[in-house]
Amino acid sequence: MKTVSTLFDLGAARLSLNGMVGLVPTMGFLHEGHLSLIRRAKLECDSVVVSIFINPTQFGANEDLSKYPRDLARDLSLIEPLGVDLVWNPTAEEMYPAGYQTWVEVDALTRPLEGSIRTSHFKGVTTVVAKLFNAVQPHKAYFGQKDAQQAAVIRQMTRDLNFPIEIIVCPTTREADGLAMSSRNKYLEGADRPAATVLFRALSGAKSAYESGERNAEKLRIIMKDTLASEPHAQPQYISCADYDTLEELEVVSGKALLSMAVLVGKTRLIDNFVLG
C-alpha cells in the first residue's frame, strides 16, 4: 500500500493503477462504516484509492476543527489489511494553496436539513469532493447512506458537472444497539451513549408505521418527534420526512422517501436516517 501527500506524487501513483479505479473519500478516524465502503470498493474495482483529509472548509464558525478526532497511524493500520492500493493524505495547504478563491456549490438541495443549520457546510463538501474527483480520476466513488443529504448533493454535482463517475451509496453501518457508526460517537459520555439510541428508535417507529400502511408524512414526523421527546438527553434540531431525491418535505409518502433527523445528545450532534420505499 502506497501513501502519498502531494498532488505530484498522487499523479505519478495514479498512473500505475490499472483497470476500474474506486475512490473512498474519508476524513480519517476510521470505523467499521468506512471499512465497509473500502470492502465494497475492493469487490467492484481493480484498484482502490482512499483519501484521508479533514476538510477545513466544511466546518462552520462554531464547529471546532481542532477537536475533530484524528489518528493517521491507526487509520493506516486499519486500511492496509484490506488491500488498498493507494492512500492520499494531503495537507490543507496542498488542497487550498495561498490565494485560493474557487468554489463549487449545489443550489436547492443544500438549503434544507443540514444546510438550514450548517449554512456553509455543503459549499466546503462539494468543493473538496470535486477536487478529489479531479485529482484521483476514479471510475466509482463510495459514500455512506448515513450522510444521506451529502450523498444526494454529490450525486447532483456529479450529474451537473458531467463527472464520468458512478456514485455508490452504501448502507449505514450500525452498532449492535442500532446507533449509526460515526467518528463523533467518541464524544458521547456517560448516559449520553445509551440515550443516543433514541435516533434509531425514532426512525424505527416511523418505519414500522409506514410498513403498516401509514402514508401521512406528518404522522410519521410526529412519531419520530414523540419518541425523541421521551429522551431527556436528546434535543432535536430537525425531523424530516422528505422526497428521497429533492429533499422537499412531503405531505403524503407515495414513492421513495427519506426519514432523517439531527439531534443533540448532550453536547454531541448526531444525524441518522432511514429510506422508505
Protein backbone atom coordinates (compact mmCIF):
# COMPACT_ATOMS: atom_id res chain seq x y z
CA MET A 1 0.00 0.00 0.00
CA LYS A 2 1.44 3.34 -1.11
CA THR A 3 0.79 6.57 0.81
CA VAL A 4 1.27 9.99 -0.79
CA SER A 5 0.57 13.54 0.34
CA THR A 6 1.27 15.79 -2.67
CA LEU A 7 -0.66 16.20 -5.90
CA PHE A 8 2.51 15.50 -7.86
CA ASP A 9 3.07 12.16 -6.12
CA LEU A 10 -0.62 11.32 -6.43
CA GLY A 11 -0.48 11.89 -10.18
CA ALA A 12 2.53 9.62 -10.54
CA ALA A 13 0.97 6.90 -8.38
CA ARG A 14 -2.36 7.12 -10.21
CA LEU A 15 -0.66 6.20 -13.49
CA SER A 16 0.31 2.83 -12.02
CA LEU A 17 -3.27 1.89 -11.10
CA ASN A 18 -4.88 -0.50 -13.56
CA GLY A 19 -8.46 -1.12 -14.62
CA MET A 20 -11.50 0.17 -12.74
CA VAL A 21 -10.46 2.61 -10.00
CA GLY A 22 -12.62 3.17 -6.93
CA LEU A 23 -12.28 6.11 -4.54
CA VAL A 24 -13.35 6.11 -0.88
CA PRO A 25 -13.16 9.69 0.45
CA THR A 26 -12.79 9.96 4.24
CA MET A 27 -11.88 12.47 6.93
CA GLY A 28 -9.99 9.85 8.87
CA PHE A 29 -10.51 8.39 12.35
CA LEU A 30 -11.90 5.39 10.55
CA HIS A 31 -14.53 3.00 11.87
CA GLU A 32 -16.32 -0.07 10.54
CA GLY A 33 -18.55 2.10 8.37
CA HIS A 34 -15.55 3.39 6.42
CA LEU A 35 -14.05 -0.09 6.23
CA SER A 36 -17.30 -1.44 4.76
CA LEU A 37 -17.03 1.14 1.96
CA ILE A 38 -13.48 0.03 1.25
CA ARG A 39 -14.50 -3.63 1.15
CA ARG A 40 -17.30 -2.81 -1.29
CA ALA A 41 -14.87 -0.89 -3.49
CA LYS A 42 -12.45 -3.83 -3.43
CA LEU A 43 -15.23 -6.15 -4.62
CA GLU A 44 -16.20 -3.91 -7.52
CA CYS A 45 -12.94 -2.31 -8.64
CA ASP A 46 -9.49 -3.37 -9.78
CA SER A 47 -7.72 -0.65 -7.77
CA VAL A 48 -8.84 1.27 -4.68
CA VAL A 49 -7.77 4.72 -3.51
CA VAL A 50 -8.64 6.02 -0.03
CA SER A 51 -8.32 9.72 0.71
CA ILE A 52 -7.83 10.91 4.28
CA PHE A 53 -8.32 14.65 4.58
CA ILE A 54 -10.01 16.66 7.33
CA ASN A 55 -11.52 19.33 5.14
CA PRO A 56 -11.43 22.70 6.95
CA THR A 57 -13.85 24.42 4.59
CA GLN A 58 -16.83 22.29 5.64
CA PHE A 59 -16.56 23.33 9.29
CA GLY A 60 -18.64 26.32 10.37
CA ALA A 61 -17.58 29.18 12.63
CA ASN A 62 -18.97 27.46 15.74
CA GLU A 63 -17.59 24.00 14.90
CA ASP A 64 -14.20 23.21 16.41
CA LEU A 65 -11.99 21.87 13.63
CA SER A 66 -9.08 21.46 16.06
CA LYS A 67 -11.05 18.95 18.15
CA TYR A 68 -12.05 16.70 15.25
CA PRO A 69 -10.60 13.25 16.08
CA ARG A 70 -7.55 12.18 14.10
CA ASP A 71 -5.08 9.29 14.24
CA LEU A 72 -3.35 8.65 10.91
CA ALA A 73 -1.20 5.75 12.14
CA ARG A 74 -4.31 3.95 13.40
CA ASP A 75 -6.16 4.65 10.14
CA LEU A 76 -3.35 3.23 8.02
CA SER A 77 -3.15 0.11 10.19
CA LEU A 78 -6.88 -0.48 9.59
CA ILE A 79 -6.67 0.13 5.86
CA GLU A 80 -3.60 -1.91 4.96
CA PRO A 81 -5.07 -5.42 5.58
CA LEU A 82 -7.94 -4.59 3.22
CA GLY A 83 -5.69 -4.48 0.16
CA VAL A 84 -5.97 -0.76 -0.60
CA ASP A 85 -3.60 0.27 -3.38
CA LEU A 86 -3.13 3.95 -2.61
CA VAL A 87 -3.81 6.33 0.29
CA TRP A 88 -3.83 10.06 -0.37
CA ASN A 89 -3.34 12.19 2.73
CA PRO A 90 -2.90 15.79 1.54
CA THR A 91 -2.34 18.82 3.75
CA ALA A 92 -4.75 21.75 3.86
CA GLU A 93 -2.08 23.84 2.12
CA GLU A 94 -1.93 21.30 -0.72
CA MET A 95 -5.70 21.42 -1.22
CA TYR A 96 -6.19 25.15 -0.61
CA PRO A 97 -2.99 26.99 -1.55
CA ALA A 98 -2.45 30.65 -0.74
CA GLY A 99 -4.87 32.85 -2.68
CA TYR A 100 -7.45 30.08 -3.16
CA GLN A 101 -10.82 31.51 -4.28
CA THR A 102 -12.74 28.91 -6.35
CA TRP A 103 -15.81 27.10 -5.03
CA VAL A 104 -18.30 24.51 -6.24
CA GLU A 105 -21.86 24.97 -4.99
CA VAL A 106 -25.08 22.99 -5.45
CA ASP A 107 -28.15 25.16 -5.02
CA ALA A 108 -31.57 23.87 -3.90
CA LEU A 109 -30.50 20.53 -2.41
CA THR A 110 -28.17 22.21 0.07
CA ARG A 111 -30.79 24.53 1.59
CA PRO A 112 -32.91 22.25 3.82
CA LEU A 113 -31.96 19.89 6.65
CA GLU A 114 -28.21 20.16 7.32
CA GLY A 115 -27.98 23.21 5.10
CA SER A 116 -30.52 25.11 7.19
CA ILE A 117 -28.25 24.83 10.23
CA ARG A 118 -24.73 24.46 8.80
CA THR A 119 -25.07 27.14 6.14
CA SER A 120 -21.58 26.94 4.62
CA HIS A 121 -21.08 23.20 5.13
CA PHE A 122 -22.02 21.87 1.71
CA LYS A 123 -20.04 24.54 -0.12
CA GLY A 124 -16.96 23.02 1.51
CA VAL A 125 -18.10 19.44 0.86
CA THR A 126 -18.82 19.87 -2.84
CA THR A 127 -15.66 21.84 -3.43
CA VAL A 128 -13.40 19.28 -1.80
CA VAL A 129 -15.15 16.30 -3.41
CA ALA A 130 -14.84 17.94 -6.83
CA LYS A 131 -11.13 18.44 -6.14
CA LEU A 132 -10.78 14.80 -5.04
CA PHE A 133 -12.54 13.64 -8.20
CA ASN A 134 -10.30 15.80 -10.40
CA ALA A 135 -7.14 14.63 -8.68
CA VAL A 136 -7.86 10.89 -8.44
CA GLN A 137 -9.95 10.44 -11.62
CA PRO A 138 -11.88 7.43 -10.25
CA HIS A 139 -14.48 5.43 -12.13
CA LYS A 140 -16.56 4.89 -8.98
CA ALA A 141 -16.77 6.75 -5.66
CA TYR A 142 -18.20 5.32 -2.44
CA PHE A 143 -20.21 7.17 0.21
CA GLY A 144 -22.28 6.12 3.23
CA GLN A 145 -26.05 6.38 3.48
CA LYS A 146 -25.70 7.86 6.98
CA ASP A 147 -24.84 11.19 5.35
CA ALA A 148 -27.90 10.99 3.11
CA GLN A 149 -28.09 14.66 2.15
CA GLN A 150 -24.38 14.72 1.36
CA ALA A 151 -24.86 11.72 -0.93
CA ALA A 152 -27.78 13.43 -2.70
CA VAL A 153 -25.78 16.63 -3.14
CA ILE A 154 -22.77 14.76 -4.53
CA ARG A 155 -24.99 12.80 -6.95
CA GLN A 156 -26.41 16.11 -8.18
CA MET A 157 -22.97 17.74 -8.52
CA THR A 158 -21.63 14.71 -10.40
CA ARG A 159 -24.52 14.88 -12.89
CA ASP A 160 -24.37 18.65 -13.27
CA LEU A 161 -20.61 18.81 -13.86
CA ASN A 162 -20.54 15.71 -16.10
CA PHE A 163 -18.04 13.82 -13.97
CA PRO A 164 -17.72 10.35 -15.59
CA ILE A 165 -18.01 8.76 -12.14
CA GLU A 166 -20.58 6.35 -10.71
CA ILE A 167 -21.65 7.33 -7.19
CA ILE A 168 -22.20 4.28 -4.97
CA VAL A 169 -24.17 4.87 -1.74
CA CYS A 170 -23.68 2.04 0.76
CA PRO A 171 -25.91 1.11 3.72
CA THR A 172 -25.34 2.68 7.13
CA THR A 173 -23.21 0.54 9.43
CA ARG A 174 -24.61 0.35 12.96
CA GLU A 175 -23.59 -0.69 16.44
CA ALA A 176 -25.41 -3.68 17.97
CA ASP A 177 -27.93 -1.33 19.63
CA GLY A 178 -28.71 0.49 16.38
CA LEU A 179 -26.57 3.61 16.80
CA ALA A 180 -25.16 4.66 13.42
CA MET A 181 -21.37 4.46 13.44
CA SER A 182 -19.75 7.89 13.34
CA SER A 183 -16.40 9.40 14.25
CA ARG A 184 -18.34 11.76 16.53
CA ASN A 185 -19.63 8.89 18.69
CA LYS A 186 -16.38 9.07 20.67
CA TYR A 187 -17.70 12.30 22.21
CA LEU A 188 -20.69 10.52 23.80
CA GLU A 189 -20.03 10.26 27.53
CA GLY A 190 -21.83 8.57 30.40
CA ALA A 191 -25.61 8.49 29.99
CA ASP A 192 -25.37 10.14 26.59
CA ARG A 193 -24.24 6.91 24.94
CA PRO A 194 -27.37 4.84 25.73
CA ALA A 195 -29.50 7.94 25.14
CA ALA A 196 -28.11 8.20 21.60
CA THR A 197 -30.04 5.09 20.56
CA VAL A 198 -33.18 7.23 20.59
CA LEU A 199 -32.46 8.26 16.98
CA PHE A 200 -32.63 4.65 15.83
CA ARG A 201 -35.75 4.05 17.91
CA ALA A 202 -37.48 7.13 16.49
CA LEU A 203 -36.68 6.17 12.90
CA SER A 204 -37.68 2.55 13.54
CA GLY A 205 -41.04 3.63 14.94
CA ALA A 206 -41.84 5.73 11.90
CA LYS A 207 -40.67 2.99 9.54
CA SER A 208 -42.88 0.43 11.31
CA ALA A 209 -45.87 2.74 10.88
CA TYR A 210 -45.05 3.13 7.19
CA GLU A 211 -44.77 -0.63 6.77
CA SER A 212 -48.18 -0.96 8.46
CA GLY A 213 -49.69 1.32 5.82
CA GLU A 214 -49.23 4.85 7.19
CA ARG A 215 -48.56 7.28 4.32
CA ASN A 216 -49.28 10.62 6.01
CA ALA A 217 -45.85 12.23 6.27
CA GLU A 218 -46.80 14.50 9.17
CA LYS A 219 -47.92 11.50 11.22
CA LEU A 220 -44.55 9.86 10.57
CA ARG A 221 -42.80 13.05 11.70
CA ILE A 222 -44.94 13.11 14.86
CA ILE A 223 -43.96 9.52 15.69
CA MET A 224 -40.29 10.49 15.45
CA LYS A 225 -40.83 13.70 17.43
CA ASP A 226 -42.70 11.92 20.24
CA THR A 227 -40.03 9.22 20.53
CA LEU A 228 -37.27 11.83 20.74
CA ALA A 229 -39.26 13.76 23.35
CA SER A 230 -39.19 10.68 25.58
CA GLU A 231 -35.40 11.00 25.96
CA PRO A 232 -34.37 13.93 28.20
CA HIS A 233 -30.80 13.93 26.87
CA ALA A 234 -32.00 14.48 23.27
CA GLN A 235 -32.68 17.89 21.70
CA PRO A 236 -33.90 17.64 18.06
CA GLN A 237 -32.66 20.19 15.54
CA TYR A 238 -34.80 18.92 12.68
CA ILE A 239 -37.10 15.98 11.95
CA SER A 240 -37.88 15.29 8.32
CA CYS A 241 -39.94 13.10 6.00
CA ALA A 242 -38.87 14.24 2.55
CA ASP A 243 -38.67 13.17 -1.07
CA TYR A 244 -35.57 11.00 -1.49
CA ASP A 245 -34.21 12.91 -4.49
CA THR A 246 -35.35 16.51 -3.99
CA LEU A 247 -35.36 16.54 -0.14
CA GLU A 248 -38.61 18.53 -0.25
CA GLU A 249 -40.87 17.83 2.73
CA LEU A 250 -43.77 15.55 1.87
CA GLU A 251 -47.44 15.60 2.77
CA VAL A 252 -48.01 12.05 1.53
CA VAL A 253 -45.40 9.34 1.01
CA SER A 254 -46.11 7.95 -2.44
CA GLY A 255 -42.63 6.97 -3.64
CA LYS A 256 -39.11 6.75 -2.31
CA ALA A 257 -38.76 8.91 0.80
CA LEU A 258 -36.13 9.84 3.37
CA LEU A 259 -36.78 9.92 7.10
CA SER A 260 -33.98 11.94 8.67
CA MET A 261 -33.07 13.89 11.77
CA ALA A 262 -30.33 15.81 13.52
CA VAL A 263 -30.28 15.59 17.31
CA LEU A 264 -28.06 16.97 20.05
CA VAL A 265 -27.42 14.22 22.58
CA GLY A 266 -25.73 16.00 25.44
CA LYS A 267 -23.16 18.13 23.59
CA THR A 268 -22.76 15.74 20.66
CA ARG A 269 -24.59 16.39 17.40
CA LEU A 270 -25.78 13.19 15.68
CA ILE A 271 -27.57 12.57 12.39
CA ASP A 272 -29.32 9.47 11.11
CA ASN A 273 -31.86 8.42 8.50
CA PHE A 274 -33.91 5.59 7.02
CA VAL A 275 -35.02 5.23 3.41
CA LEU A 276 -38.65 4.26 2.74
CA GLY A 277 -39.95 2.66 -0.43
